[in-house]
Amino acid sequence: MRLTEKLILLIKHFKGYFATEAALNTAYPTAENGDYAIVGSTDTVWVWDGDTTAWVDTGNGATGDVVGPGSAIADNLAAFDGITGKLLKDGGIAKLVIDLNTTHRSSGGTDHSNVGLNNTHRGSAGTDHSNVGLNNTHRGSDGSDHSFIDQSVISGSSPILDAANITGVVTGTVELLHLDVRKGSVGTIAARTPLYISGYNASGWIEVEEADADIAAQMPAIGVANVAITNAATRRIVNSGELTGLATNDGGWAINDPIYVAGGGGLTKTKPTGTTLIQKIAEIARVHVNAGVLIVVGAGRSNDIPNLPSNKIWLGNGSGVPAEVDFDTEVSANTDVINAMKITALTSSASITPNGNSAIIKHYFTLTYGHTGDMLAVTNQVEGCEYIFKITQDGTGGRVVTWNANYKFDGSTKSILSTGLGDIDQISFISDGTNLIHSSSTYNAG
């Protein structure tokens, strides 16, 4: 056993000096094997006997006599002779000098200087923690084992941690959320730059580059740099919250302006158009030449309907995801896409066959008629669809149409066109899937 351990055991088991045996028993009605004290009335050492559960005077009887050694070093601590069990010998350990002028205070400022060997160390619940040795288990006032505490713990601190929960967390104001990053390549990214994830370094940081709303692979932005970013050192970027100390006096910027990731990189207050992606990433809180404030609000996500080129539409695909398609191509090729009306110009001839595209619910046929001939049945009819004919007489006039038997009129005169030069007639039909049933007419509208 090392000398320091011997010293700790000696101090641990020594209960102090008591004037009488009664005083000792009052102070320590129970003790542990190895505990000892000095009683003034007998001038002897008393030890605790675990077998009889009582204090025993070692000076009673010749077999228990304890005498000092022939010589010893002044001020060294005494020890029992391990061979005879009787004689005190020089312990070889100098006494510990404690500066009584030093005040021991807790974190709350309470003076704990007067802690002596006769004092009992008690927990907040009054539990006796005096017997804390190297081999002892340190237990809290509730009996739980705190022997293995590998973090700094201050009495009365928050939060309180146990096996399953964290309680007593002090609430407060969170001004920002940040991420630790480095530039993914050589170079420098300026402060106030929106950034996207370009990779991850196994050493523990996210690699970033400048976001660009013109390039889908460089979007979305996950945050804004508040300092210059390089690949040589880890820096923090703001993912959400208040970003300060920046120039926010760009032309036209004002408080509460929405700020977007710009095409080509950087920030802009102008909402992107055309095929440029849209990501609103911040709001202006203060306009200033070098102490401006941005509130980062839209990092890491797209938050607007993307722009579309002319004649394009969004169409849900089989996976339930909107896909960009050409309007004309989709209407003509996909019967699931229904157009409200399609205008078709017919070519004048002695025999005309209108094509009723099955994907269209209303067909509007226009014809400047320069012949006398037959209007044959509409092909690809769909039940319930409407077929309208606008027929204009040419500069000669007198043109006569003979309607195919597929066209059904409720009176014979309804099928007769106006014949004056430039006269315009409009005649409508509804299909029952086989025939075209006359629904309305407007004659000589010209």
Protein backbone atom coordinates (compact mmCIF):
# COMPACT_ATOMS: atom_id res chain seq x y z
CA MET A 1 0.00 0.00 0.00
CA ARG A 2 1.34 3.43 -0.96
CA LEU A 3 2.08 6.02 1.70
CA THR A 4 -0.63 8.34 0.38
CA GLU A 5 -3.20 5.56 0.71
CA LYS A 6 -2.03 4.85 4.26
CA LEU A 7 -2.43 8.51 5.09
CA ILE A 8 -5.94 8.61 3.67
CA LEU A 9 -6.94 5.54 5.69
CA LEU A 10 -5.46 6.97 8.90
CA ILE A 11 -7.34 10.23 8.46
CA LYS A 12 -10.51 8.46 7.42
CA HIS A 13 -10.68 6.20 10.48
CA PHE A 14 -9.53 8.72 13.10
CA LYS A 15 -12.62 10.14 14.87
CA GLY A 16 -10.76 12.69 16.97
CA TYR A 17 -10.17 13.47 20.65
CA PHE A 18 -12.90 13.06 23.27
CA ALA A 19 -12.68 13.95 26.97
CA THR A 20 -14.51 10.84 28.13
CA GLU A 21 -15.73 7.48 26.89
CA ALA A 22 -19.30 8.81 27.19
CA ALA A 23 -18.47 11.70 24.89
CA LEU A 24 -17.05 9.28 22.32
CA ASN A 25 -20.16 7.04 22.43
CA THR A 26 -22.45 10.06 22.12
CA ALA A 27 -20.62 11.31 19.05
CA TYR A 28 -20.22 7.86 17.45
CA PRO A 29 -22.69 5.31 18.81
CA THR A 30 -21.73 3.15 15.82
CA ALA A 31 -18.59 3.02 13.70
CA GLU A 32 -16.59 0.78 11.37
CA ASN A 33 -13.77 -1.68 11.99
CA GLY A 34 -10.56 0.31 11.90
CA ASP A 35 -12.08 3.48 13.37
CA TYR A 36 -10.18 4.85 16.37
CA ALA A 37 -10.18 7.81 18.75
CA ILE A 38 -8.24 9.21 21.73
CA VAL A 39 -10.04 9.45 25.09
CA GLY A 40 -8.57 11.99 27.51
CA SER A 41 -9.87 10.42 30.72
CA THR A 42 -7.85 7.24 30.06
CA ASP A 43 -5.11 8.75 27.90
CA THR A 44 -5.45 5.75 25.67
CA VAL A 45 -6.51 4.87 22.13
CA TRP A 46 -9.97 3.39 21.76
CA VAL A 47 -10.88 1.28 18.70
CA TRP A 48 -14.21 0.10 17.35
CA ASP A 49 -14.77 -3.65 17.78
CA GLY A 50 -17.14 -4.90 15.09
CA ASP A 51 -17.66 -8.22 16.88
CA THR A 52 -19.00 -6.61 20.07
CA THR A 53 -20.25 -3.46 18.28
CA ALA A 54 -18.64 -1.31 20.96
CA TRP A 55 -15.67 0.95 21.52
CA VAL A 56 -12.76 -0.89 23.23
CA ASP A 57 -9.99 0.69 25.31
CA THR A 58 -6.73 -0.68 23.92
CA GLY A 59 -5.02 0.30 27.17
CA ASN A 60 -6.99 -2.28 29.26
CA GLY A 61 -4.77 -5.30 29.99
CA ALA A 62 -1.18 -6.08 29.18
CA THR A 63 -2.09 -7.70 25.85
CA GLY A 64 -3.46 -4.45 24.59
CA ASP A 65 -0.72 -2.12 25.77
CA VAL A 66 0.35 0.35 23.16
CA VAL A 67 3.73 1.97 23.65
CA GLY A 68 5.79 4.27 21.49
CA PRO A 69 8.97 3.34 19.65
CA GLY A 70 12.38 4.06 20.97
CA SER A 71 12.77 7.01 18.62
CA ALA A 72 10.84 8.77 15.85
CA ILE A 73 11.00 11.83 13.59
CA ALA A 74 9.30 14.87 15.04
CA ASP A 75 5.81 15.63 13.69
CA ASN A 76 5.57 12.34 11.73
CA LEU A 77 2.27 10.50 12.02
CA ALA A 78 2.21 7.39 14.22
CA ALA A 79 1.15 3.93 12.98
CA PHE A 80 0.36 0.54 14.41
CA ASP A 81 3.08 -2.09 14.24
CA GLY A 82 1.77 -4.63 11.74
CA ILE A 83 3.67 -7.48 13.43
CA THR A 84 2.86 -7.06 17.14
CA GLY A 85 -0.38 -5.17 16.72
CA LYS A 86 0.56 -3.26 19.85
CA LEU A 87 3.39 -0.84 19.49
CA LEU A 88 3.06 2.54 17.86
CA LYS A 89 5.80 3.19 15.37
CA ASP A 90 6.96 6.04 13.20
CA GLY A 91 4.61 6.08 10.19
CA GLY A 92 7.18 7.80 8.01
CA ILE A 93 4.63 10.40 6.88
CA ALA A 94 4.87 14.03 7.83
CA LYS A 95 1.76 15.69 9.17
CA LEU A 96 -0.42 17.62 6.70
CA VAL A 97 -0.26 21.38 7.24
CA ILE A 98 -3.53 23.17 6.48
CA ASP A 99 -3.57 26.92 6.20
CA LEU A 100 -6.37 27.91 8.56
CA ASN A 101 -6.47 31.39 7.05
CA THR A 102 -7.77 30.01 3.73
CA THR A 103 -11.52 30.18 3.40
CA HIS A 104 -13.19 27.32 1.51
CA ARG A 105 -16.34 28.55 -0.15
CA SER A 106 -18.94 26.83 -2.29
CA SER A 107 -20.24 28.25 -5.58
CA GLY A 108 -22.95 30.08 -3.60
CA GLY A 109 -20.34 31.84 -1.41
CA THR A 110 -21.03 29.82 1.77
CA ASP A 111 -18.00 29.46 4.11
CA HIS A 112 -17.04 25.81 4.61
CA SER A 113 -13.66 26.47 6.26
CA ASN A 114 -14.53 24.80 9.58
CA VAL A 115 -14.46 21.22 8.41
CA GLY A 116 -12.50 19.23 10.95
CA LEU A 117 -11.87 15.58 11.60
CA ASN A 118 -14.67 15.51 14.14
CA ASN A 119 -17.19 16.99 11.69
CA THR A 120 -19.71 14.95 9.78
CA HIS A 121 -19.97 15.57 6.03
CA ARG A 122 -23.63 15.41 5.13
CA GLY A 123 -25.52 15.62 1.85
CA SER A 124 -28.39 18.01 1.10
CA ALA A 125 -30.85 15.50 2.59
CA GLY A 126 -28.80 15.12 5.80
CA THR A 127 -27.22 11.81 4.78
CA ASP A 128 -23.81 11.15 6.34
CA HIS A 129 -21.10 11.08 3.63
CA SER A 130 -18.13 11.21 6.04
CA ASN A 131 -16.81 7.76 5.16
CA VAL A 132 -15.78 8.41 1.61
CA GLY A 133 -12.59 6.51 0.86
CA LEU A 134 -10.80 5.33 -2.23
CA ASN A 135 -12.76 2.08 -2.28
CA ASN A 136 -16.11 3.57 -1.29
CA THR A 137 -19.08 4.07 -3.56
CA HIS A 138 -20.19 7.68 -3.79
CA ARG A 139 -23.96 7.76 -3.53
CA GLY A 140 -26.40 10.64 -3.77
CA SER A 141 -29.02 11.46 -1.14
CA ASP A 142 -31.45 9.10 -2.93
CA GLY A 143 -28.97 6.19 -2.71
CA SER A 144 -28.08 6.22 -6.43
CA ASP A 145 -24.51 5.36 -7.40
CA HIS A 146 -22.51 8.41 -8.55
CA SER A 147 -19.07 6.78 -8.44
CA PHE A 148 -18.53 7.12 -12.17
CA ILE A 149 -19.06 10.79 -12.91
CA ASP A 150 -16.86 11.80 -15.83
CA GLN A 151 -18.05 15.35 -16.27
CA SER A 152 -17.82 18.49 -14.16
CA VAL A 153 -20.87 18.75 -11.93
CA ILE A 154 -21.66 21.82 -9.84
CA SER A 155 -24.10 21.45 -6.99
CA GLY A 156 -27.50 22.84 -7.86
CA SER A 157 -26.64 23.24 -11.54
CA SER A 158 -28.96 22.66 -14.49
CA PRO A 159 -29.75 20.67 -16.50
CA ILE A 160 -30.26 17.49 -14.46
CA LEU A 161 -29.23 14.33 -16.33
CA ASP A 162 -30.34 10.78 -15.57
CA ALA A 163 -30.41 7.55 -17.57
CA ALA A 164 -33.40 8.53 -19.69
CA ASN A 165 -34.10 12.25 -19.40
CA ILE A 166 -32.67 15.73 -19.25
CA THR A 167 -34.66 17.99 -16.97
CA GLY A 168 -34.23 21.45 -15.55
CA VAL A 169 -33.05 22.93 -18.83
CA VAL A 170 -32.89 26.70 -18.52
CA THR A 171 -34.85 28.37 -21.29
CA GLY A 172 -33.57 31.41 -23.10
CA THR A 173 -33.27 33.13 -26.46
CA VAL A 174 -31.74 31.30 -29.44
CA GLU A 175 -30.48 33.86 -31.93
CA LEU A 176 -29.11 31.55 -34.59
CA LEU A 177 -28.33 28.01 -35.70
CA HIS A 178 -24.97 27.41 -37.31
CA LEU A 179 -23.03 24.71 -39.17
CA ASP A 180 -19.28 24.00 -39.15
CA VAL A 181 -17.97 24.10 -42.73
CA ARG A 182 -14.93 24.51 -44.93
CA LYS A 183 -14.66 25.39 -48.61
CA GLY A 184 -14.51 22.20 -50.69
CA SER A 185 -11.74 23.50 -52.94
CA VAL A 186 -8.85 25.96 -52.86
CA GLY A 187 -9.85 29.59 -52.70
CA THR A 188 -11.95 31.96 -50.62
CA ILE A 189 -15.70 32.47 -50.38
CA ALA A 190 -16.65 35.98 -49.28
CA ALA A 191 -18.92 36.74 -46.33
CA ARG A 192 -22.65 37.18 -47.13
CA THR A 193 -22.46 34.41 -49.74
CA PRO A 194 -25.16 31.69 -49.89
CA LEU A 195 -23.61 28.21 -49.81
CA TYR A 196 -24.57 24.71 -50.95
CA ILE A 197 -23.17 21.34 -49.82
CA SER A 198 -20.44 20.08 -52.15
CA GLY A 199 -19.18 17.20 -49.96
CA TYR A 200 -18.32 15.95 -46.48
CA ASN A 201 -14.90 15.57 -44.91
CA ALA A 202 -14.36 12.51 -42.69
CA SER A 203 -12.55 14.74 -40.19
CA GLY A 204 -15.92 16.15 -39.22
CA TRP A 205 -16.98 19.12 -41.32
CA ILE A 206 -19.30 19.89 -44.24
CA GLU A 207 -17.68 21.05 -47.47
CA VAL A 208 -19.42 23.94 -49.24
CA GLU A 209 -19.23 26.06 -52.36
CA GLU A 210 -21.09 29.13 -53.57
CA ALA A 211 -24.74 28.49 -54.45
CA ASP A 212 -25.96 29.51 -57.92
CA ALA A 213 -29.68 29.69 -58.75
CA ASP A 214 -28.88 29.16 -62.44
CA ILE A 215 -27.40 25.70 -61.79
CA ALA A 216 -29.64 23.03 -60.21
CA ALA A 217 -26.62 21.01 -58.99
CA GLN A 218 -25.49 24.03 -56.94
CA MET A 219 -28.80 24.45 -55.13
CA PRO A 220 -30.39 24.76 -52.64
CA ALA A 221 -28.36 26.93 -50.29
CA ILE A 222 -27.97 25.58 -46.73
CA GLY A 223 -26.87 28.84 -45.15
CA VAL A 224 -25.08 32.15 -45.54
CA ALA A 225 -21.42 32.85 -44.70
CA ASN A 226 -20.90 35.46 -42.01
CA VAL A 227 -17.10 35.42 -42.46
CA ALA A 228 -14.77 34.48 -45.30
CA ILE A 229 -14.63 30.69 -45.87
CA THR A 230 -11.51 28.79 -47.03
CA ASN A 231 -10.45 25.14 -47.15
CA ALA A 232 -7.76 25.69 -44.51
CA ALA A 233 -9.87 26.26 -41.39
CA THR A 234 -13.33 25.38 -40.12
CA ARG A 235 -15.76 28.27 -39.98
CA ARG A 236 -19.39 28.57 -38.93
CA ILE A 237 -22.16 29.64 -41.29
CA VAL A 238 -25.65 30.73 -40.29
CA ASN A 239 -28.32 28.16 -41.17
CA SER A 240 -31.15 30.02 -39.46
CA GLY A 241 -31.36 33.18 -37.41
CA GLU A 242 -29.73 36.59 -37.16
CA LEU A 243 -26.69 37.34 -39.33
CA THR A 244 -25.00 40.62 -38.37
CA GLY A 245 -22.10 42.84 -39.31
CA LEU A 246 -22.69 42.76 -43.07
CA ALA A 247 -23.16 45.28 -45.88
CA THR A 248 -26.88 45.41 -46.66
CA ASN A 249 -26.97 48.74 -48.48
CA ASP A 250 -27.13 47.32 -52.01
CA GLY A 251 -29.09 49.52 -54.37
CA GLY A 252 -32.76 49.56 -53.42
CA TRP A 253 -32.52 47.21 -50.44
CA ALA A 254 -34.95 48.11 -47.65
CA ILE A 255 -36.13 46.72 -44.31
CA ASN A 256 -38.28 43.58 -44.66
CA ASP A 257 -37.26 43.03 -48.28
CA PRO A 258 -37.18 39.33 -49.25
CA ILE A 259 -33.74 38.17 -50.31
CA TYR A 260 -33.19 35.37 -52.84
CA VAL A 261 -30.25 33.27 -54.02
CA ALA A 262 -29.19 34.98 -57.23
CA GLY A 263 -28.51 33.50 -60.62
CA GLY A 264 -24.74 33.46 -60.98
CA GLY A 265 -24.29 33.43 -57.19
CA GLY A 266 -24.73 35.88 -54.34
CA LEU A 267 -27.91 37.48 -53.00
CA THR A 268 -30.59 39.55 -54.70
CA LYS A 269 -33.85 41.17 -53.69
CA THR A 270 -35.28 40.55 -57.18
CA LYS A 271 -37.26 37.35 -57.48
CA PRO A 272 -35.66 35.22 -60.22
CA THR A 273 -37.52 34.69 -63.50
CA GLY A 274 -37.20 32.40 -66.51
CA THR A 275 -35.53 29.06 -65.76
CA THR A 276 -33.58 30.41 -62.76
CA LEU A 277 -34.44 28.48 -59.58
CA ILE A 278 -36.22 30.35 -56.79
CA GLN A 279 -35.06 30.17 -53.19
CA LYS A 280 -35.98 32.90 -50.75
CA ILE A 281 -33.28 32.67 -48.08
CA ALA A 282 -33.48 35.80 -45.91
CA GLU A 283 -35.23 39.03 -44.91
CA ILE A 284 -33.57 42.43 -44.45
CA ALA A 285 -33.73 43.53 -40.79
CA ARG A 286 -31.32 46.45 -40.98
CA VAL A 287 -29.86 48.38 -43.91
CA HIS A 288 -26.29 49.54 -43.25
CA VAL A 289 -22.96 49.89 -45.01
CA ASN A 290 -21.16 47.44 -42.69
CA ALA A 291 -23.44 46.67 -39.72
CA GLY A 292 -26.46 45.41 -41.60
CA VAL A 293 -28.62 42.54 -40.36
CA LEU A 294 -30.09 39.63 -42.31
CA ILE A 295 -32.59 37.17 -40.85
CA VAL A 296 -31.83 33.84 -42.52
CA VAL A 297 -35.15 32.01 -42.94
CA GLY A 298 -35.09 29.77 -46.02
CA ALA A 299 -31.83 27.81 -45.90
CA GLY A 300 -31.79 24.26 -47.18
CA ARG A 301 -35.04 24.22 -49.10
CA SER A 302 -36.77 25.52 -52.21
CA ASN A 303 -39.81 27.54 -51.26
CA ASP A 304 -41.55 28.67 -54.42
CA ILE A 305 -43.08 27.22 -57.59
CA PRO A 306 -40.19 26.95 -60.08
CA ASN A 307 -40.31 29.18 -63.15
CA LEU A 308 -41.43 27.63 -66.46
CA PRO A 309 -40.46 28.48 -70.05
CA SER A 310 -43.15 29.53 -72.51
CA ASN A 311 -45.69 26.85 -73.56
CA LYS A 312 -44.62 24.45 -70.77
CA ILE A 313 -46.85 22.97 -68.06
CA TRP A 314 -46.40 20.93 -64.88
CA LEU A 315 -47.85 17.42 -65.19
CA GLY A 316 -47.82 14.80 -62.44
CA ASN A 317 -45.99 11.62 -63.47
CA GLY A 318 -46.47 8.01 -62.37
CA SER A 319 -44.46 8.64 -59.21
CA GLY A 320 -46.65 11.55 -58.16
CA VAL A 321 -43.93 14.08 -58.97
CA PRO A 322 -44.63 17.16 -61.14
CA ALA A 323 -42.68 17.07 -64.39
CA GLU A 324 -42.17 19.82 -66.96
CA VAL A 325 -43.80 18.94 -70.34
CA ASP A 326 -44.55 20.73 -73.59
CA PHE A 327 -48.22 21.78 -73.69
CA ASP A 328 -48.89 21.18 -77.39
CA THR A 329 -47.03 17.85 -77.45
CA GLU A 330 -48.82 16.57 -74.36
CA VAL A 331 -52.27 17.58 -75.61
CA SER A 332 -51.84 15.92 -78.97
CA ALA A 333 -50.10 12.79 -77.68
CA ASN A 334 -51.76 12.06 -74.35
CA THR A 335 -55.51 11.38 -74.23
CA ASP A 336 -55.43 12.03 -70.48
CA VAL A 337 -54.81 15.71 -71.23
CA ILE A 338 -58.08 17.33 -72.32
CA ASN A 339 -58.26 20.67 -74.05
CA ALA A 340 -61.39 22.81 -73.66
CA MET A 341 -61.49 23.71 -77.34
CA LYS A 342 -59.49 23.21 -80.51
CA ILE A 343 -59.87 25.46 -83.56
CA THR A 344 -59.30 23.74 -86.91
CA ALA A 345 -59.32 25.51 -90.28
CA LEU A 346 -60.92 23.33 -92.97
CA THR A 347 -59.79 23.49 -96.60
CA SER A 348 -62.52 24.20 -99.16
CA SER A 349 -63.16 21.34 -101.58
CA ALA A 350 -66.04 19.46 -103.15
CA SER A 351 -65.83 16.84 -100.38
CA ILE A 352 -64.72 17.76 -96.85
CA THR A 353 -64.02 15.29 -93.96
CA PRO A 354 -63.55 17.07 -90.59
CA ASN A 355 -61.30 15.26 -88.09
CA GLY A 356 -62.68 15.25 -84.55
CA ASN A 357 -59.56 14.65 -82.42
CA SER A 358 -60.76 12.40 -79.60
CA ALA A 359 -58.77 14.32 -76.98
CA ILE A 360 -60.78 17.52 -77.56
CA ILE A 361 -64.17 18.15 -75.96
CA LYS A 362 -65.09 21.16 -78.15
CA HIS A 363 -64.13 21.39 -81.83
CA TYR A 364 -64.46 24.65 -83.72
CA PHE A 365 -64.17 24.21 -87.52
CA THR A 366 -63.73 27.30 -89.70
CA LEU A 367 -64.28 27.22 -93.48
CA THR A 368 -64.27 29.85 -96.20
CA TYR A 369 -66.37 27.98 -98.72
CA GLY A 370 -65.52 28.24 -102.41
CA HIS A 371 -67.22 25.08 -103.66
CA THR A 372 -70.56 23.39 -103.81
CA GLY A 373 -70.17 19.94 -102.32
CA ASP A 374 -70.50 17.50 -99.46
CA MET A 375 -69.73 17.86 -95.73
CA LEU A 376 -68.89 14.29 -94.74
CA ALA A 377 -69.25 12.83 -91.24
CA VAL A 378 -66.78 13.95 -88.57
CA THR A 379 -64.19 11.27 -87.79
CA ASN A 380 -63.15 10.23 -84.23
CA GLN A 381 -66.37 11.42 -82.63
CA VAL A 382 -66.68 11.21 -78.85
CA GLU A 383 -70.04 11.07 -77.12
CA GLY A 384 -70.88 14.37 -75.45
CA CYS A 385 -68.33 16.42 -77.39
CA GLU A 386 -69.44 19.53 -79.27
CA TYR A 387 -68.66 20.21 -82.94
CA ILE A 388 -69.19 23.77 -84.26
CA PHE A 389 -68.95 24.86 -87.91
CA LYS A 390 -68.34 28.49 -88.90
CA ILE A 391 -68.88 28.69 -92.66
CA THR A 392 -68.19 31.89 -94.60
CA GLN A 393 -69.32 32.40 -98.26
CA ASP A 394 -66.48 33.42 -100.53
CA GLY A 395 -66.49 36.43 -102.85
CA THR A 396 -68.67 34.58 -105.35
CA GLY A 397 -71.37 33.46 -102.93
CA GLY A 398 -74.14 30.98 -103.64
CA ARG A 399 -72.16 28.07 -102.30
CA VAL A 400 -74.32 25.16 -101.13
CA VAL A 401 -73.36 22.46 -98.58
CA THR A 402 -74.90 19.01 -98.70
CA TRP A 403 -74.77 17.56 -95.15
CA ASN A 404 -73.98 13.87 -94.68
CA ALA A 405 -76.77 11.73 -93.17
CA ASN A 406 -74.67 11.60 -89.99
CA TYR A 407 -75.76 15.20 -89.25
CA LYS A 408 -79.26 15.20 -87.74
CA PHE A 409 -81.45 18.34 -88.03
CA ASP A 410 -84.89 18.89 -86.46
CA GLY A 411 -86.14 20.64 -89.62
CA SER A 412 -85.12 20.60 -93.25
CA THR A 413 -84.51 24.36 -93.46
CA LYS A 414 -81.97 24.27 -90.62
CA SER A 415 -79.42 22.71 -92.96
CA ILE A 416 -79.62 25.46 -95.61
CA LEU A 417 -76.79 28.02 -95.55
CA SER A 418 -76.98 31.70 -96.34
CA THR A 419 -75.68 32.37 -99.88
CA GLY A 420 -74.84 36.05 -99.95
CA LEU A 421 -71.30 37.21 -100.62
CA GLY A 422 -69.35 37.01 -97.31
CA ASP A 423 -72.34 35.68 -95.35
CA ILE A 424 -71.36 33.86 -92.14
CA ASP A 425 -73.34 30.96 -90.66
CA GLN A 426 -72.52 29.09 -87.43
CA ILE A 427 -74.05 25.66 -86.86
CA SER A 428 -73.47 23.50 -83.73
CA PHE A 429 -73.83 19.76 -83.08
CA ILE A 430 -73.48 17.42 -80.08
CA SER A 431 -72.30 13.84 -80.72
CA ASP A 432 -74.10 10.83 -79.27
CA GLY A 433 -71.11 8.72 -80.18
CA THR A 434 -72.48 7.85 -83.64
CA ASN A 435 -74.42 10.83 -85.01
CA LEU A 436 -74.08 14.60 -84.72
CA ILE A 437 -77.30 16.09 -83.29
CA HIS A 438 -78.03 19.71 -84.32
CA SER A 439 -78.13 21.97 -81.25
CA SER A 440 -78.13 25.57 -82.48
CA SER A 441 -77.63 27.80 -85.52
CA THR A 442 -76.86 31.43 -86.32
CA TYR A 443 -77.44 32.46 -89.91
CA ASN A 444 -76.26 35.42 -91.98
CA ALA A 445 -74.14 36.74 -89.12
CA GLY A 446 -72.02 38.67 -91.61
